C-alpha atoms as a PDB file:
ATOM      1  CA  UNK A   1      -0.729  -9.451  21.309  1.00  0.00           C
ATOM      2  CA  UNK A   2       0.760  -5.991  20.577  1.00  0.00           C
ATOM      3  CA  UNK A   3      -0.956  -3.742  18.303  1.00  0.00           C
ATOM      4  CA  UNK A   4       0.180  -3.667  14.726  1.00  0.00           C
ATOM      5  CA  UNK A   5       1.520   0.011  15.379  1.00  0.00           C
ATOM      6  CA  UNK A   6       3.166  -0.837  18.601  1.00  0.00           C
ATOM      7  CA  UNK A   7       4.686  -4.180  16.839  1.00  0.00           C
ATOM      8  CA  UNK A   8       6.975  -2.231  14.834  1.00  0.00           C
ATOM      9  CA  UNK A   9       7.476   1.219  15.836  1.00  0.00           C
ATOM     10  CA  UNK A  10       8.477   3.565  13.021  1.00  0.00           C
ATOM     11  CA  UNK A  11      11.741   4.326  14.421  1.00  0.00           C
ATOM     12  CA  UNK A  12      12.603   0.604  15.406  1.00  0.00           C
ATOM     13  CA  UNK A  13      11.805  -0.949  12.380  1.00  0.00           C
ATOM     14  CA  UNK A  14      14.970  -2.548  10.710  1.00  0.00           C
ATOM     15  CA  UNK A  15      14.787  -3.524   6.928  1.00  0.00           C
ATOM     16  CA  UNK A  16      16.899  -6.125   5.481  1.00  0.00           C
ATOM     17  CA  UNK A  17      18.239  -6.116   2.133  1.00  0.00           C
ATOM     18  CA  UNK A  18      15.496  -7.423  -0.265  1.00  0.00           C
ATOM     19  CA  UNK A  19      16.671 -10.912  -1.279  1.00  0.00           C
ATOM     20  CA  UNK A  20      17.339 -11.439  -4.573  1.00  0.00           C
ATOM     21  CA  UNK A  21      14.017 -13.027  -5.240  1.00  0.00           C
ATOM     22  CA  UNK A  22      11.930 -10.118  -4.256  1.00  0.00           C
ATOM     23  CA  UNK A  23      11.893  -8.703  -7.963  1.00  0.00           C
ATOM     24  CA  UNK A  24      10.477 -11.488  -9.317  1.00  0.00           C
ATOM     25  CA  UNK A  25       7.583 -11.984  -6.448  1.00  0.00           C
ATOM     26  CA  UNK A  26       4.414 -11.593  -7.809  1.00  0.00           C
ATOM     27  CA  UNK A  27       1.397  -9.553  -6.144  1.00  0.00           C
ATOM     28  CA  UNK A  28       1.743  -6.557  -4.059  1.00  0.00           C
ATOM     29  CA  UNK A  29       4.981  -7.576  -2.105  1.00  0.00           C
ATOM     30  CA  UNK A  30       7.160  -7.330  -5.615  1.00  0.00           C
ATOM     31  CA  UNK A  31       6.017  -3.789  -5.458  1.00  0.00           C
ATOM     32  CA  UNK A  32       8.205  -0.905  -4.298  1.00  0.00           C
ATOM     33  CA  UNK A  33       6.982   0.952  -1.696  1.00  0.00           C
ATOM     34  CA  UNK A  34       7.462   3.886  -3.661  1.00  0.00           C
ATOM     35  CA  UNK A  35       5.140   2.907  -6.432  1.00  0.00           C
ATOM     36  CA  UNK A  36       2.589   1.736  -3.569  1.00  0.00           C
ATOM     37  CA  UNK A  37       2.335   5.419  -2.257  1.00  0.00           C
ATOM     38  CA  UNK A  38       2.135   6.798  -5.653  1.00  0.00           C
ATOM     39  CA  UNK A  39      -0.905   4.266  -6.197  1.00  0.00           C
ATOM     40  CA  UNK A  40      -2.301   5.223  -3.069  1.00  0.00           C
ATOM     41  CA  UNK A  41      -2.220   8.732  -3.603  1.00  0.00           C
ATOM     42  CA  UNK A  42      -3.583   8.540  -6.834  1.00  0.00           C
ATOM     43  CA  UNK A  43      -6.517   6.429  -5.690  1.00  0.00           C
ATOM     44  CA  UNK A  44     -10.192   7.705  -5.280  1.00  0.00           C
ATOM     45  CA  UNK A  45     -11.849   6.457  -1.824  1.00  0.00           C
ATOM     46  CA  UNK A  46     -13.386   3.298  -3.428  1.00  0.00           C
ATOM     47  CA  UNK A  47     -10.234   2.553  -4.885  1.00  0.00           C
ATOM     48  CA  UNK A  48      -8.454   2.835  -1.559  1.00  0.00           C
ATOM     49  CA  UNK A  49     -10.804   0.252   0.014  1.00  0.00           C
ATOM     50  CA  UNK A  50      -9.961  -2.155  -2.656  1.00  0.00           C
ATOM     51  CA  UNK A  51      -6.282  -1.653  -2.170  1.00  0.00           C
ATOM     52  CA  UNK A  52      -6.305  -1.800   1.087  1.00  0.00           C
ATOM     53  CA  UNK A  53      -8.324  -5.121   0.795  1.00  0.00           C
ATOM     54  CA  UNK A  54      -5.645  -6.545  -1.605  1.00  0.00           C
ATOM     55  CA  UNK A  55      -2.817  -5.429   0.447  1.00  0.00           C
ATOM     56  CA  UNK A  56      -4.369  -7.115   3.506  1.00  0.00           C
ATOM     57  CA  UNK A  57      -5.052 -10.361   1.587  1.00  0.00           C
ATOM     58  CA  UNK A  58      -1.359 -10.314   0.420  1.00  0.00           C
ATOM     59  CA  UNK A  59       0.276  -9.639   3.428  1.00  0.00           C
ATOM     60  CA  UNK A  60      -1.596 -12.454   5.606  1.00  0.00           C
ATOM     61  CA  UNK A  61      -1.084 -14.694   3.112  1.00  0.00           C
ATOM     62  CA  UNK A  62       2.488 -13.939   3.163  1.00  0.00           C
ATOM     63  CA  UNK A  63       2.788 -14.261   6.737  1.00  0.00           C
ATOM     64  CA  UNK A  64       0.358 -17.632   6.555  1.00  0.00           C
ATOM     65  CA  UNK A  65       2.959 -18.862   4.154  1.00  0.00           C
ATOM     66  CA  UNK A  66       5.856 -17.814   5.996  1.00  0.00           C
ATOM     67  CA  UNK A  67       4.569 -19.330   9.496  1.00  0.00           C
ATOM     68  CA  UNK A  68       4.787 -22.650   7.202  1.00  0.00           C
ATOM     69  CA  UNK A  69       8.159 -22.433   6.719  1.00  0.00           C
ATOM     70  CA  UNK A  70       9.450 -21.980  10.120  1.00  0.00           C
ATOM     71  CA  UNK A  71       9.505 -24.326  13.379  1.00  0.00           C
ATOM     72  CA  UNK A  72       6.344 -24.450  15.467  1.00  0.00           C
ATOM     73  CA  UNK A  73       8.034 -22.368  18.305  1.00  0.00           C
ATOM     74  CA  UNK A  74       9.281 -19.695  15.716  1.00  0.00           C
ATOM     75  CA  UNK A  75       5.507 -19.364  14.399  1.00  0.00           C
ATOM     76  CA  UNK A  76       3.455 -15.870  14.791  1.00  0.00           C
ATOM     77  CA  UNK A  77       0.116 -15.653  16.092  1.00  0.00           C
ATOM     78  CA  UNK A  78      -1.410 -13.712  12.970  1.00  0.00           C
ATOM     79  CA  UNK A  79      -5.056 -15.035  13.822  1.00  0.00           C
ATOM     80  CA  UNK A  80      -5.165 -12.125  15.987  1.00  0.00           C
ATOM     81  CA  UNK A  81      -4.372  -9.483  13.820  1.00  0.00           C
ATOM     82  CA  UNK A  82      -6.765  -6.833  12.601  1.00  0.00           C
ATOM     83  CA  UNK A  83      -6.412  -6.802   8.568  1.00  0.00           C
ATOM     84  CA  UNK A  84      -7.451  -3.371   8.259  1.00  0.00           C
ATOM     85  CA  UNK A  85      -5.138  -1.773  10.688  1.00  0.00           C
ATOM     86  CA  UNK A  86      -2.159  -4.072   9.227  1.00  0.00           C
ATOM     87  CA  UNK A  87      -2.576  -3.022   5.653  1.00  0.00           C
ATOM     88  CA  UNK A  88      -3.229   0.547   6.716  1.00  0.00           C
ATOM     89  CA  UNK A  89       0.111   0.484   8.762  1.00  0.00           C
ATOM     90  CA  UNK A  90       1.904  -0.827   5.673  1.00  0.00           C
ATOM     91  CA  UNK A  91       0.761   1.819   3.657  1.00  0.00           C
ATOM     92  CA  UNK A  92       2.022   4.294   6.252  1.00  0.00           C
ATOM     93  CA  UNK A  93       5.370   2.670   6.661  1.00  0.00           C
ATOM     94  CA  UNK A  94       5.762   2.750   2.840  1.00  0.00           C
ATOM     95  CA  UNK A  95       5.345   6.389   3.092  1.00  0.00           C
ATOM     96  CA  UNK A  96       8.139   6.757   5.423  1.00  0.00           C
ATOM     97  CA  UNK A  97      10.538   3.841   3.696  1.00  0.00           C
ATOM     98  CA  UNK A  98      10.158   4.608   0.144  1.00  0.00           C
ATOM     99  CA  UNK A  99      13.024   2.791  -0.889  1.00  0.00           C
ATOM    100  CA  UNK A 100      12.072  -0.315   0.475  1.00  0.00           C
ATOM    101  CA  UNK A 101      10.097  -2.996  -1.169  1.00  0.00           C
ATOM    102  CA  UNK A 102       6.820  -3.939   0.184  1.00  0.00           C
ATOM    103  CA  UNK A 103       7.793  -7.374   1.127  1.00  0.00           C
ATOM    104  CA  UNK A 104      10.240  -5.739   3.414  1.00  0.00           C
ATOM    105  CA  UNK A 105       7.766  -3.917   5.267  1.00  0.00           C
ATOM    106  CA  UNK A 106       5.841  -6.816   5.662  1.00  0.00           C
ATOM    107  CA  UNK A 107       8.692  -9.057   6.684  1.00  0.00           C
ATOM    108  CA  UNK A 108       9.669  -6.460   9.439  1.00  0.00           C
ATOM    109  CA  UNK A 109       6.196  -6.473  10.938  1.00  0.00           C
ATOM    110  CA  UNK A 110       5.952 -10.236  10.567  1.00  0.00           C
ATOM    111  CA  UNK A 111       9.537 -10.608  12.681  1.00  0.00           C
ATOM    112  CA  UNK A 112       8.174  -8.216  15.104  1.00  0.00           C
ATOM    113  CA  UNK A 113       4.840 -10.159  15.897  1.00  0.00           C
ATOM    114  CA  UNK A 114       4.576 -12.194  19.242  1.00  0.00           C
ATOM    115  CA  UNK A 115       5.033 -15.938  18.510  1.00  0.00           C
ATOM    116  CA  UNK A 116       2.042 -18.120  18.683  1.00  0.00           C
ATOM    117  CA  UNK A 117       3.744 -20.695  21.208  1.00  0.00           C
ATOM    118  CA  UNK A 118       5.707 -20.542  23.820  1.00  0.00           C
ATOM    119  CA  UNK A 119       8.629 -22.959  24.536  1.00  0.00           C
ATOM    120  CA  UNK A 120       7.392 -24.229  27.928  1.00  0.00           C
END
Protein backbone atom coordinates (compact mmCIF):
# COMPACT_ATOMS: atom_id res chain seq x y z
CA UNK A 1 0.00 0.00 0.00
CA UNK A 2 1.12 3.52 -0.66
CA UNK A 3 1.96 5.61 2.34
CA UNK A 4 -0.73 7.96 3.61
CA UNK A 5 1.25 10.98 2.45
CA UNK A 6 1.58 9.53 -1.03
CA UNK A 7 -2.01 8.25 -1.11
CA UNK A 8 -3.35 11.76 -1.40
CA UNK A 9 -0.65 14.24 -2.35
CA UNK A 10 -1.49 17.74 -1.16
CA UNK A 11 -1.63 19.08 -4.71
CA UNK A 12 -3.62 16.08 -5.97
CA UNK A 13 -6.41 16.07 -3.39
CA UNK A 14 -9.76 16.84 -4.93
CA UNK A 15 -12.45 17.74 -2.45
CA UNK A 16 -16.09 17.51 -3.32
CA UNK A 17 -18.64 19.84 -1.85
CA UNK A 18 -19.64 18.56 1.54
CA UNK A 19 -22.88 16.60 1.50
CA UNK A 20 -25.86 18.36 3.04
CA UNK A 21 -25.75 16.07 6.09
CA UNK A 22 -22.11 16.91 6.90
CA UNK A 23 -23.16 19.74 9.19
CA UNK A 24 -25.12 17.37 11.41
CA UNK A 25 -22.42 14.71 11.56
CA UNK A 26 -21.21 13.99 15.07
CA UNK A 27 -17.64 13.71 16.19
CA UNK A 28 -14.60 15.25 14.59
CA UNK A 29 -15.92 14.73 11.05
CA UNK A 30 -18.51 17.44 11.62
CA UNK A 31 -15.83 20.02 12.41
CA UNK A 32 -14.38 22.39 9.89
CA UNK A 33 -10.69 22.15 9.18
CA UNK A 34 -10.37 25.72 10.37
CA UNK A 35 -11.72 24.84 13.83
CA UNK A 36 -9.60 21.66 13.99
CA UNK A 37 -6.49 23.67 13.09
CA UNK A 38 -7.30 26.30 15.74
CA UNK A 39 -7.81 23.55 18.33
CA UNK A 40 -4.50 21.95 17.28
CA UNK A 41 -2.55 25.21 17.55
CA UNK A 42 -4.02 26.01 20.97
CA UNK A 43 -3.39 22.54 22.39
CA UNK A 44 -0.45 21.60 24.55
CA UNK A 45 1.56 18.48 23.81
CA UNK A 46 -0.56 16.14 25.96
CA UNK A 47 -3.77 17.57 24.48
CA UNK A 48 -2.36 17.03 20.99
CA UNK A 49 -1.75 13.36 21.76
CA UNK A 50 -5.39 13.00 22.81
CA UNK A 51 -6.63 14.94 19.77
CA UNK A 52 -4.57 12.78 17.38
CA UNK A 53 -5.95 9.60 18.97
CA UNK A 54 -9.53 10.89 18.76
CA UNK A 55 -8.97 11.88 15.13
CA UNK A 56 -7.43 8.49 14.35
CA UNK A 57 -10.36 6.66 15.96
CA UNK A 58 -12.94 8.79 14.17
CA UNK A 59 -11.28 8.52 10.74
CA UNK A 60 -10.72 4.76 10.96
CA UNK A 61 -14.27 4.28 12.23
CA UNK A 62 -15.61 6.33 9.33
CA UNK A 63 -13.55 4.34 6.84
CA UNK A 64 -14.68 1.05 8.38
CA UNK A 65 -18.29 2.15 8.08
CA UNK A 66 -17.69 3.29 4.51
CA UNK A 67 -16.32 -0.17 3.68
CA UNK A 68 -19.60 -1.73 4.81
CA UNK A 69 -21.55 0.48 2.40
CA UNK A 70 -19.62 -0.30 -0.78
CA UNK A 71 -19.33 -3.48 -2.80
CA UNK A 72 -16.57 -5.94 -1.93
CA UNK A 73 -14.43 -4.90 -4.89
CA UNK A 74 -14.64 -1.25 -3.83
CA UNK A 75 -13.60 -1.85 -0.21
CA UNK A 76 -10.33 -0.27 0.87
CA UNK A 77 -7.55 -2.01 2.75
CA UNK A 78 -7.66 0.09 5.91
CA UNK A 79 -6.15 -2.63 8.11
CA UNK A 80 -2.65 -1.60 7.01
CA UNK A 81 -3.07 2.11 7.78
CA UNK A 82 -0.76 3.59 10.40
CA UNK A 83 -3.30 5.44 12.54
CA UNK A 84 -0.80 7.97 13.89
CA UNK A 85 0.39 8.85 10.40
CA UNK A 86 -3.22 9.12 9.24
CA UNK A 87 -4.26 11.53 11.97
CA UNK A 88 -1.13 13.66 11.54
CA UNK A 89 -1.77 13.80 7.80
CA UNK A 90 -5.37 14.90 8.36
CA UNK A 91 -4.14 17.77 10.55
CA UNK A 92 -1.58 18.71 7.89
CA UNK A 93 -4.20 18.71 5.13
CA UNK A 94 -6.59 20.71 7.30
CA UNK A 95 -3.94 23.38 7.71
CA UNK A 96 -3.76 23.65 3.91
CA UNK A 97 -7.50 23.34 3.24
CA UNK A 98 -9.10 25.27 6.08
CA UNK A 99 -12.31 25.84 4.15
CA UNK A 100 -13.06 22.09 4.03
CA UNK A 101 -14.84 19.96 6.63
CA UNK A 102 -12.74 17.23 8.24
CA UNK A 103 -15.15 14.77 6.62
CA UNK A 104 -14.05 15.89 3.13
CA UNK A 105 -10.40 15.36 4.02
CA UNK A 106 -11.03 11.84 5.32
CA UNK A 107 -13.25 11.03 2.34
CA UNK A 108 -10.53 12.15 -0.11
CA UNK A 109 -7.95 10.00 1.66
CA UNK A 110 -10.35 7.03 1.64
CA UNK A 111 -11.01 7.41 -2.10
CA UNK A 112 -7.27 7.38 -2.82
CA UNK A 113 -6.46 4.27 -0.80
CA UNK A 114 -5.69 1.01 -2.58
CA UNK A 115 -8.53 -1.45 -2.93
CA UNK A 116 -8.43 -4.43 -0.59
CA UNK A 117 -9.54 -6.89 -3.26
CA UNK A 118 -8.73 -7.11 -6.93
CA UNK A 119 -11.13 -8.26 -9.60
CA UNK A 120 -9.42 -11.45 -10.70
